[in-house]
Amino acid sequence: MTNLNPDICRRIRDARREAKISQSELAQEVGCKQSALSMFEQGQTTKINDEVVVKLAKKFSIDLEEKPGKREEAPSPASFSLSAFTGPSKGFCPNPSCPSNKGYDVDGRRLYMPDRDKADPVGGRFCAICGEVLERKCPNCGAPVHAGSVCSLCGEPYIAAS
């Protein structure tokens, strides 16, 4: 579909998962291949035809006219319990090409696992490997970072894929 916001693909994926429908079942229902639906759910908007996109949107009551950039509001970091985080917050390097970050793929999406011990061994301001300014909060919602590559509060990756 022309100019379809990739966020809609993810919303369709989330609605399918919430409804506990497999990709195979949904693909058969709307008339496409499971592999095409998988790629579509990953944000590749041209992998299924307009007719199928309309069927999917109708099934899950999703507005296809949503403008790019419009996002649902993440919960406020102030409402997030900080008791789950112990000890001083080590920073991570936001540079995807820094050797302190290990890249891996999930559902066709490139994510990076930050190694905060390598990037911030002494609690400094800059990455010990590449010199980039370290991040100590989720760049998307401001929640404190934890071990992992995706914020548990807003679901966005800490490091933007290059």
N, C-alpha and C. Protein backbone atom coordinates (compact mmCIF):
# COMPACT_ATOMS: atom_id res chain seq x y z
N MET A 1 0.86 -1.17 0.00
CA MET A 1 0.00 0.00 0.00
C MET A 1 0.90 1.23 0.00
N THR A 2 0.60 2.20 -0.79
CA THR A 2 1.43 3.38 -0.92
C THR A 2 1.43 4.19 0.37
N ASN A 3 2.61 4.57 0.83
CA ASN A 3 2.79 5.40 2.02
C ASN A 3 2.15 4.83 3.27
N LEU A 4 2.10 3.53 3.40
CA LEU A 4 1.55 2.91 4.61
C LEU A 4 2.58 3.04 5.72
N ASN A 5 2.15 3.53 6.85
CA ASN A 5 3.02 3.70 8.01
C ASN A 5 3.43 2.33 8.54
N PRO A 6 4.74 2.03 8.64
CA PRO A 6 5.18 0.73 9.16
C PRO A 6 4.67 0.44 10.58
N ASP A 7 4.35 1.48 11.35
CA ASP A 7 3.79 1.25 12.69
C ASP A 7 2.46 0.50 12.61
N ILE A 8 1.73 0.67 11.52
CA ILE A 8 0.47 -0.04 11.34
C ILE A 8 0.75 -1.54 11.22
N CYS A 9 1.83 -1.89 10.55
CA CYS A 9 2.21 -3.31 10.42
C CYS A 9 2.44 -3.92 11.80
N ARG A 10 3.13 -3.18 12.65
CA ARG A 10 3.39 -3.68 14.00
C ARG A 10 2.10 -3.75 14.82
N ARG A 11 1.21 -2.79 14.61
CA ARG A 11 -0.07 -2.81 15.33
C ARG A 11 -0.90 -4.01 14.90
N ILE A 12 -0.86 -4.35 13.62
CA ILE A 12 -1.57 -5.54 13.14
C ILE A 12 -0.95 -6.79 13.76
N ARG A 13 0.38 -6.83 13.80
CA ARG A 13 1.06 -7.96 14.43
C ARG A 13 0.65 -8.10 15.89
N ASP A 14 0.66 -6.98 16.63
CA ASP A 14 0.30 -7.01 18.04
C ASP A 14 -1.15 -7.44 18.24
N ALA A 15 -2.05 -6.98 17.37
CA ALA A 15 -3.47 -7.37 17.46
C ALA A 15 -3.63 -8.86 17.18
N ARG A 16 -2.89 -9.37 16.21
CA ARG A 16 -2.94 -10.80 15.90
C ARG A 16 -2.47 -11.62 17.09
N ARG A 17 -1.37 -11.20 17.67
CA ARG A 17 -0.84 -11.93 18.82
C ARG A 17 -1.81 -11.88 20.00
N GLU A 18 -2.39 -10.70 20.24
CA GLU A 18 -3.35 -10.55 21.33
C GLU A 18 -4.57 -11.46 21.13
N ALA A 19 -4.96 -11.62 19.86
CA ALA A 19 -6.10 -12.49 19.53
C ALA A 19 -5.70 -13.97 19.53
N LYS A 20 -4.40 -14.23 19.74
CA LYS A 20 -3.86 -15.60 19.77
C LYS A 20 -4.15 -16.36 18.46
N ILE A 21 -3.91 -15.65 17.35
CA ILE A 21 -4.06 -16.23 16.02
C ILE A 21 -2.67 -16.40 15.42
N SER A 22 -2.37 -17.56 14.86
CA SER A 22 -1.06 -17.78 14.25
C SER A 22 -1.00 -17.04 12.91
N GLN A 23 0.21 -16.78 12.45
CA GLN A 23 0.38 -16.16 11.14
C GLN A 23 -0.23 -17.04 10.05
N SER A 24 -0.05 -18.34 10.17
CA SER A 24 -0.58 -19.26 9.16
C SER A 24 -2.10 -19.18 9.08
N GLU A 25 -2.75 -19.18 10.25
CA GLU A 25 -4.22 -19.10 10.29
C GLU A 25 -4.71 -17.79 9.67
N LEU A 26 -4.08 -16.69 10.07
CA LEU A 26 -4.50 -15.39 9.57
C LEU A 26 -4.23 -15.25 8.08
N ALA A 27 -3.08 -15.73 7.63
CA ALA A 27 -2.76 -15.65 6.20
C ALA A 27 -3.79 -16.41 5.37
N GLN A 28 -4.18 -17.58 5.84
CA GLN A 28 -5.18 -18.37 5.13
C GLN A 28 -6.52 -17.63 5.11
N GLU A 29 -6.87 -17.01 6.22
CA GLU A 29 -8.14 -16.30 6.33
C GLU A 29 -8.23 -15.09 5.39
N VAL A 30 -7.12 -14.34 5.26
CA VAL A 30 -7.16 -13.12 4.44
C VAL A 30 -6.67 -13.33 3.01
N GLY A 31 -6.11 -14.51 2.73
CA GLY A 31 -5.72 -14.82 1.36
C GLY A 31 -4.32 -14.40 0.95
N CYS A 32 -3.35 -14.69 1.81
CA CYS A 32 -1.96 -14.42 1.44
C CYS A 32 -1.09 -15.54 2.00
N LYS A 33 0.19 -15.51 1.71
CA LYS A 33 1.11 -16.51 2.24
C LYS A 33 1.58 -16.10 3.63
N GLN A 34 1.87 -17.10 4.45
CA GLN A 34 2.36 -16.84 5.81
C GLN A 34 3.67 -16.05 5.76
N SER A 35 4.55 -16.37 4.84
CA SER A 35 5.84 -15.68 4.75
C SER A 35 5.66 -14.20 4.40
N ALA A 36 4.68 -13.92 3.54
CA ALA A 36 4.41 -12.52 3.17
C ALA A 36 3.85 -11.76 4.38
N LEU A 37 2.97 -12.42 5.13
CA LEU A 37 2.41 -11.78 6.33
C LEU A 37 3.52 -11.53 7.35
N SER A 38 4.44 -12.47 7.50
CA SER A 38 5.56 -12.30 8.42
C SER A 38 6.39 -11.07 8.05
N MET A 39 6.73 -10.94 6.78
CA MET A 39 7.52 -9.78 6.34
C MET A 39 6.74 -8.49 6.52
N PHE A 40 5.43 -8.53 6.25
CA PHE A 40 4.58 -7.35 6.43
C PHE A 40 4.58 -6.92 7.89
N GLU A 41 4.43 -7.88 8.81
CA GLU A 41 4.41 -7.56 10.23
C GLU A 41 5.72 -6.95 10.71
N GLN A 42 6.79 -7.19 9.98
CA GLN A 42 8.09 -6.62 10.33
C GLN A 42 8.28 -5.22 9.74
N GLY A 43 7.26 -4.72 9.06
CA GLY A 43 7.32 -3.36 8.53
C GLY A 43 7.57 -3.25 7.05
N GLN A 44 7.64 -4.37 6.35
CA GLN A 44 7.84 -4.35 4.90
C GLN A 44 6.46 -4.23 4.25
N THR A 45 6.03 -2.99 4.08
CA THR A 45 4.64 -2.69 3.71
C THR A 45 4.24 -3.15 2.31
N THR A 46 5.19 -3.46 1.46
CA THR A 46 4.85 -3.84 0.09
C THR A 46 4.75 -5.35 -0.11
N LYS A 47 4.85 -6.13 0.95
CA LYS A 47 4.88 -7.59 0.82
C LYS A 47 3.50 -8.21 0.63
N ILE A 48 2.43 -7.48 0.93
CA ILE A 48 1.09 -7.98 0.66
C ILE A 48 0.30 -6.90 -0.08
N ASN A 49 -0.70 -7.33 -0.85
CA ASN A 49 -1.42 -6.37 -1.69
C ASN A 49 -2.43 -5.55 -0.88
N ASP A 50 -2.91 -4.48 -1.50
CA ASP A 50 -3.81 -3.54 -0.82
C ASP A 50 -5.08 -4.22 -0.30
N GLU A 51 -5.62 -5.15 -1.06
CA GLU A 51 -6.85 -5.83 -0.67
C GLU A 51 -6.65 -6.59 0.65
N VAL A 52 -5.51 -7.25 0.79
CA VAL A 52 -5.21 -8.00 2.01
C VAL A 52 -4.97 -7.05 3.17
N VAL A 53 -4.29 -5.93 2.93
CA VAL A 53 -4.05 -4.93 3.97
C VAL A 53 -5.38 -4.42 4.52
N VAL A 54 -6.32 -4.15 3.63
CA VAL A 54 -7.63 -3.66 4.04
C VAL A 54 -8.35 -4.72 4.87
N LYS A 55 -8.27 -5.98 4.47
CA LYS A 55 -8.90 -7.07 5.24
C LYS A 55 -8.30 -7.16 6.65
N LEU A 56 -6.98 -7.05 6.73
CA LEU A 56 -6.31 -7.12 8.03
C LEU A 56 -6.73 -5.95 8.93
N ALA A 57 -6.72 -4.76 8.36
CA ALA A 57 -7.08 -3.57 9.13
C ALA A 57 -8.53 -3.67 9.61
N LYS A 58 -9.41 -4.14 8.75
CA LYS A 58 -10.82 -4.28 9.11
C LYS A 58 -10.99 -5.32 10.22
N LYS A 59 -10.30 -6.44 10.10
CA LYS A 59 -10.41 -7.52 11.09
C LYS A 59 -10.02 -7.03 12.48
N PHE A 60 -8.98 -6.20 12.55
CA PHE A 60 -8.48 -5.76 13.85
C PHE A 60 -8.86 -4.31 14.17
N SER A 61 -9.76 -3.71 13.39
CA SER A 61 -10.24 -2.33 13.61
C SER A 61 -9.09 -1.33 13.72
N ILE A 62 -8.22 -1.36 12.71
CA ILE A 62 -7.05 -0.48 12.68
C ILE A 62 -7.23 0.54 11.56
N ASP A 63 -7.04 1.81 11.89
CA ASP A 63 -7.20 2.91 10.95
C ASP A 63 -5.97 3.00 10.04
N LEU A 64 -6.19 2.82 8.73
CA LEU A 64 -5.08 2.88 7.77
C LEU A 64 -4.69 4.30 7.41
N GLU A 65 -5.45 5.26 7.82
CA GLU A 65 -5.17 6.66 7.48
C GLU A 65 -4.26 7.34 8.48
N GLU A 66 -3.76 6.59 9.45
CA GLU A 66 -2.87 7.17 10.46
C GLU A 66 -1.65 7.76 9.78
N LYS A 67 -1.31 8.95 10.17
CA LYS A 67 -0.17 9.66 9.56
C LYS A 67 1.14 9.15 10.14
N PRO A 68 2.21 9.04 9.29
CA PRO A 68 3.52 8.62 9.80
C PRO A 68 3.97 9.53 10.93
N GLY A 69 4.62 8.93 11.92
CA GLY A 69 5.14 9.70 13.04
C GLY A 69 4.20 9.74 14.23
N LYS A 70 2.90 9.48 14.01
CA LYS A 70 1.96 9.48 15.11
C LYS A 70 2.19 8.22 15.93
N ARG A 71 2.39 8.37 17.22
CA ARG A 71 2.70 7.23 18.07
C ARG A 71 1.80 7.25 19.28
N GLU A 72 1.53 6.05 19.80
CA GLU A 72 0.81 5.97 21.05
C GLU A 72 1.76 6.41 22.15
N GLU A 73 1.21 7.07 23.14
CA GLU A 73 2.02 7.54 24.24
C GLU A 73 2.47 6.38 25.12
N ALA A 74 3.74 6.36 25.45
CA ALA A 74 4.26 5.36 26.37
C ALA A 74 3.93 5.81 27.79
N PRO A 75 3.80 4.88 28.72
CA PRO A 75 3.56 5.27 30.10
C PRO A 75 4.67 6.18 30.60
N SER A 76 4.33 7.05 31.48
CA SER A 76 5.30 8.00 32.02
C SER A 76 6.35 7.27 32.84
N PRO A 77 7.64 7.61 32.64
CA PRO A 77 8.68 6.97 33.45
C PRO A 77 8.48 7.23 34.94
N ALA A 78 7.82 8.34 35.29
CA ALA A 78 7.60 8.66 36.68
C ALA A 78 6.69 7.61 37.34
N SER A 79 5.84 6.96 36.54
CA SER A 79 4.93 5.96 37.09
C SER A 79 5.60 4.59 37.18
N PHE A 80 6.82 4.50 36.72
CA PHE A 80 7.55 3.23 36.70
C PHE A 80 8.28 3.04 38.02
N SER A 81 8.18 1.86 38.59
CA SER A 81 8.82 1.57 39.87
C SER A 81 10.33 1.44 39.69
N LEU A 82 11.07 2.27 40.38
CA LEU A 82 12.52 2.22 40.30
C LEU A 82 13.10 1.17 41.24
N SER A 83 12.27 0.56 42.07
CA SER A 83 12.77 -0.43 43.02
C SER A 83 13.29 -1.67 42.32
N ALA A 84 12.89 -1.89 41.05
CA ALA A 84 13.37 -3.06 40.31
C ALA A 84 14.84 -2.92 39.92
N PHE A 85 15.38 -1.71 40.03
CA PHE A 85 16.75 -1.45 39.61
C PHE A 85 17.61 -1.23 40.85
N THR A 86 18.64 -2.02 40.98
CA THR A 86 19.51 -1.87 42.13
C THR A 86 20.89 -1.43 41.67
N GLY A 87 21.57 -0.72 42.54
CA GLY A 87 22.92 -0.29 42.24
C GLY A 87 22.96 0.89 41.29
N PRO A 88 24.14 1.45 41.08
CA PRO A 88 24.27 2.59 40.18
C PRO A 88 23.98 2.18 38.75
N SER A 89 23.39 3.09 38.02
CA SER A 89 23.04 2.82 36.63
C SER A 89 24.26 2.96 35.74
N LYS A 90 24.67 1.87 35.13
CA LYS A 90 25.76 1.92 34.16
C LYS A 90 25.19 2.36 32.83
N GLY A 91 25.96 3.13 32.09
CA GLY A 91 25.52 3.59 30.79
C GLY A 91 25.82 2.59 29.70
N PHE A 92 25.16 2.78 28.56
CA PHE A 92 25.44 1.95 27.39
C PHE A 92 25.78 2.88 26.23
N CYS A 93 26.54 2.35 25.29
CA CYS A 93 26.95 3.13 24.13
C CYS A 93 25.83 3.07 23.09
N PRO A 94 25.30 4.22 22.63
CA PRO A 94 24.22 4.22 21.65
C PRO A 94 24.69 4.02 20.21
N ASN A 95 26.01 3.87 20.02
CA ASN A 95 26.58 3.71 18.69
C ASN A 95 26.47 2.25 18.26
N PRO A 96 25.64 1.92 17.24
CA PRO A 96 25.47 0.53 16.85
C PRO A 96 26.75 -0.13 16.34
N SER A 97 27.71 0.64 15.86
CA SER A 97 28.94 0.03 15.33
C SER A 97 30.02 -0.11 16.40
N CYS A 98 29.75 0.31 17.64
CA CYS A 98 30.73 0.17 18.72
C CYS A 98 30.89 -1.31 19.07
N PRO A 99 32.11 -1.77 19.25
CA PRO A 99 32.33 -3.18 19.63
C PRO A 99 31.71 -3.58 20.96
N SER A 100 31.28 -2.61 21.77
CA SER A 100 30.62 -2.97 23.03
C SER A 100 29.19 -3.46 22.81
N ASN A 101 28.67 -3.30 21.59
CA ASN A 101 27.31 -3.72 21.28
C ASN A 101 27.33 -4.90 20.32
N LYS A 102 26.62 -5.95 20.67
CA LYS A 102 26.54 -7.16 19.83
C LYS A 102 25.22 -7.12 19.07
N GLY A 103 25.29 -7.17 17.73
CA GLY A 103 24.10 -7.15 16.90
C GLY A 103 23.52 -8.54 16.72
N TYR A 104 22.19 -8.60 16.64
CA TYR A 104 21.49 -9.85 16.35
C TYR A 104 20.14 -9.51 15.71
N ASP A 105 19.54 -10.49 15.04
CA ASP A 105 18.26 -10.26 14.35
C ASP A 105 17.14 -11.00 15.04
N VAL A 106 16.00 -10.31 15.17
CA VAL A 106 14.79 -10.90 15.72
C VAL A 106 13.63 -10.49 14.83
N ASP A 107 12.92 -11.45 14.28
CA ASP A 107 11.78 -11.17 13.40
C ASP A 107 12.15 -10.18 12.29
N GLY A 108 13.34 -10.34 11.74
CA GLY A 108 13.78 -9.47 10.65
C GLY A 108 14.19 -8.08 11.09
N ARG A 109 14.28 -7.85 12.36
CA ARG A 109 14.64 -6.53 12.89
C ARG A 109 16.01 -6.63 13.55
N ARG A 110 16.90 -5.71 13.25
CA ARG A 110 18.25 -5.72 13.81
C ARG A 110 18.22 -5.06 15.18
N LEU A 111 18.66 -5.79 16.20
CA LEU A 111 18.75 -5.27 17.55
C LEU A 111 20.20 -5.36 18.02
N TYR A 112 20.53 -4.60 19.05
CA TYR A 112 21.88 -4.59 19.59
C TYR A 112 21.82 -4.81 21.09
N MET A 113 22.61 -5.76 21.57
CA MET A 113 22.71 -6.04 23.00
C MET A 113 23.88 -5.25 23.54
N PRO A 114 23.60 -4.20 24.32
CA PRO A 114 24.71 -3.41 24.87
C PRO A 114 25.41 -4.14 26.00
N ASP A 115 26.72 -4.09 26.01
CA ASP A 115 27.51 -4.63 27.12
C ASP A 115 27.94 -3.43 27.95
N ARG A 116 27.17 -3.15 29.00
CA ARG A 116 27.41 -1.95 29.80
C ARG A 116 28.71 -2.04 30.59
N ASP A 117 29.17 -3.25 30.89
CA ASP A 117 30.45 -3.38 31.60
C ASP A 117 31.63 -2.98 30.72
N LYS A 118 31.54 -3.28 29.42
CA LYS A 118 32.61 -2.88 28.50
C LYS A 118 32.57 -1.38 28.21
N ALA A 119 31.37 -0.86 27.96
CA ALA A 119 31.23 0.54 27.58
C ALA A 119 31.45 1.48 28.76
N ASP A 120 31.07 1.04 29.96
CA ASP A 120 31.10 1.91 31.13
C ASP A 120 31.70 1.19 32.33
N PRO A 121 32.98 0.81 32.26
CA PRO A 121 33.56 0.02 33.35
C PRO A 121 33.73 0.81 34.66
N VAL A 122 33.82 2.13 34.58
CA VAL A 122 34.09 2.92 35.78
C VAL A 122 33.00 3.95 36.09
N GLY A 123 31.87 3.87 35.41
CA GLY A 123 30.80 4.83 35.66
C GLY A 123 31.08 6.20 35.09
N GLY A 124 31.71 6.22 33.93
CA GLY A 124 32.08 7.49 33.30
C GLY A 124 30.96 8.08 32.45
N ARG A 125 31.31 9.13 31.74
CA ARG A 125 30.35 9.82 30.89
C ARG A 125 30.45 9.36 29.44
N PHE A 126 31.63 8.87 29.02
CA PHE A 126 31.87 8.50 27.64
C PHE A 126 32.18 7.01 27.54
N CYS A 127 31.86 6.42 26.38
CA CYS A 127 32.13 5.01 26.13
C CYS A 127 33.64 4.77 26.21
N ALA A 128 34.03 3.75 26.95
CA ALA A 128 35.45 3.43 27.11
C ALA A 128 36.06 2.89 25.83
N ILE A 129 35.25 2.48 24.87
CA ILE A 129 35.77 1.90 23.63
C ILE A 129 35.79 2.90 22.49
N CYS A 130 34.64 3.58 22.24
CA CYS A 130 34.59 4.47 21.07
C CYS A 130 34.49 5.96 21.42
N GLY A 131 34.26 6.29 22.69
CA GLY A 131 34.22 7.69 23.09
C GLY A 131 32.87 8.36 22.97
N GLU A 132 31.84 7.66 22.54
CA GLU A 132 30.48 8.21 22.41
C GLU A 132 29.93 8.54 23.79
N VAL A 133 29.07 9.55 23.88
CA VAL A 133 28.42 9.88 25.15
C VAL A 133 27.49 8.73 25.52
N LEU A 134 27.61 8.23 26.74
CA LEU A 134 26.81 7.09 27.18
C LEU A 134 25.37 7.49 27.50
N GLU A 135 24.45 6.55 27.29
CA GLU A 135 23.05 6.72 27.65
C GLU A 135 22.80 5.95 28.94
N ARG A 136 21.99 6.53 29.82
CA ARG A 136 21.64 5.85 31.07
C ARG A 136 20.14 5.65 31.19
N LYS A 137 19.41 6.18 30.23
CA LYS A 137 17.95 6.04 30.21
C LYS A 137 17.51 5.64 28.81
N CYS A 138 16.33 5.06 28.72
CA CYS A 138 15.78 4.70 27.41
C CYS A 138 15.65 5.97 26.58
N PRO A 139 16.20 5.99 25.36
CA PRO A 139 16.11 7.19 24.53
C PRO A 139 14.68 7.50 24.08
N ASN A 140 13.78 6.51 24.18
CA ASN A 140 12.41 6.71 23.75
C ASN A 140 11.51 7.24 24.85
N CYS A 141 11.56 6.62 26.06
CA CYS A 141 10.61 7.01 27.11
C CYS A 141 11.28 7.53 28.38
N GLY A 142 12.60 7.39 28.50
CA GLY A 142 13.30 7.92 29.66
C GLY A 142 13.36 6.99 30.86
N ALA A 143 12.87 5.76 30.74
CA ALA A 143 12.94 4.80 31.84
C ALA A 143 14.38 4.38 32.08
N PRO A 144 14.74 4.02 33.30
CA PRO A 144 16.09 3.53 33.56
C PRO A 144 16.37 2.27 32.73
N VAL A 145 17.60 2.13 32.26
CA VAL A 145 17.95 0.95 31.45
C VAL A 145 18.17 -0.25 32.34
N HIS A 146 18.00 -1.41 31.76
CA HIS A 146 18.24 -2.67 32.45
C HIS A 146 19.03 -3.56 31.52
N ALA A 147 19.41 -4.73 32.00
CA ALA A 147 20.13 -5.66 31.13
C ALA A 147 19.19 -6.09 30.03
N GLY A 148 19.62 -6.00 28.81
CA GLY A 148 18.80 -6.34 27.66
C GLY A 148 18.97 -5.31 26.57
N SER A 149 18.29 -5.54 25.45
CA SER A 149 18.43 -4.62 24.32
C SER A 149 17.17 -3.81 24.05
N VAL A 150 16.07 -4.14 24.73
CA VAL A 150 14.81 -3.47 24.50
C VAL A 150 14.25 -2.99 25.83
N CYS A 151 13.71 -1.80 25.85
CA CYS A 151 13.13 -1.23 27.07
C CYS A 151 11.90 -2.04 27.48
N SER A 152 11.85 -2.45 28.72
CA SER A 152 10.72 -3.24 29.19
C SER A 152 9.49 -2.37 29.43
N LEU A 153 9.65 -1.06 29.45
CA LEU A 153 8.51 -0.17 29.67
C LEU A 153 7.81 0.19 28.37
N CYS A 154 8.59 0.64 27.37
CA CYS A 154 7.96 1.08 26.11
C CYS A 154 8.13 0.10 24.96
N GLY A 155 9.04 -0.88 25.10
CA GLY A 155 9.22 -1.88 24.06
C GLY A 155 10.11 -1.48 22.90
N GLU A 156 10.71 -0.32 22.98
CA GLU A 156 11.59 0.15 21.89
C GLU A 156 13.03 -0.27 22.17
N PRO A 157 13.80 -0.53 21.09
CA PRO A 157 15.22 -0.89 21.29
C PRO A 157 15.98 0.31 21.86
N TYR A 158 16.97 0.02 22.70
CA TYR A 158 17.82 1.08 23.24
C TYR A 158 18.69 1.71 22.15
N ILE A 159 19.16 0.88 21.21
CA ILE A 159 20.09 1.35 20.19
C ILE A 159 19.40 1.29 18.84
N ALA A 160 19.38 2.41 18.13
CA ALA A 160 18.75 2.48 16.81
C ALA A 160 19.61 1.73 15.80
N ALA A 161 18.95 0.87 15.02
CA ALA A 161 19.67 0.12 13.97
C ALA A 161 20.18 1.09 12.95
N SER A 162 21.40 0.84 12.45
CA SER A 162 21.98 1.75 11.46
C SER A 162 21.53 1.39 10.07
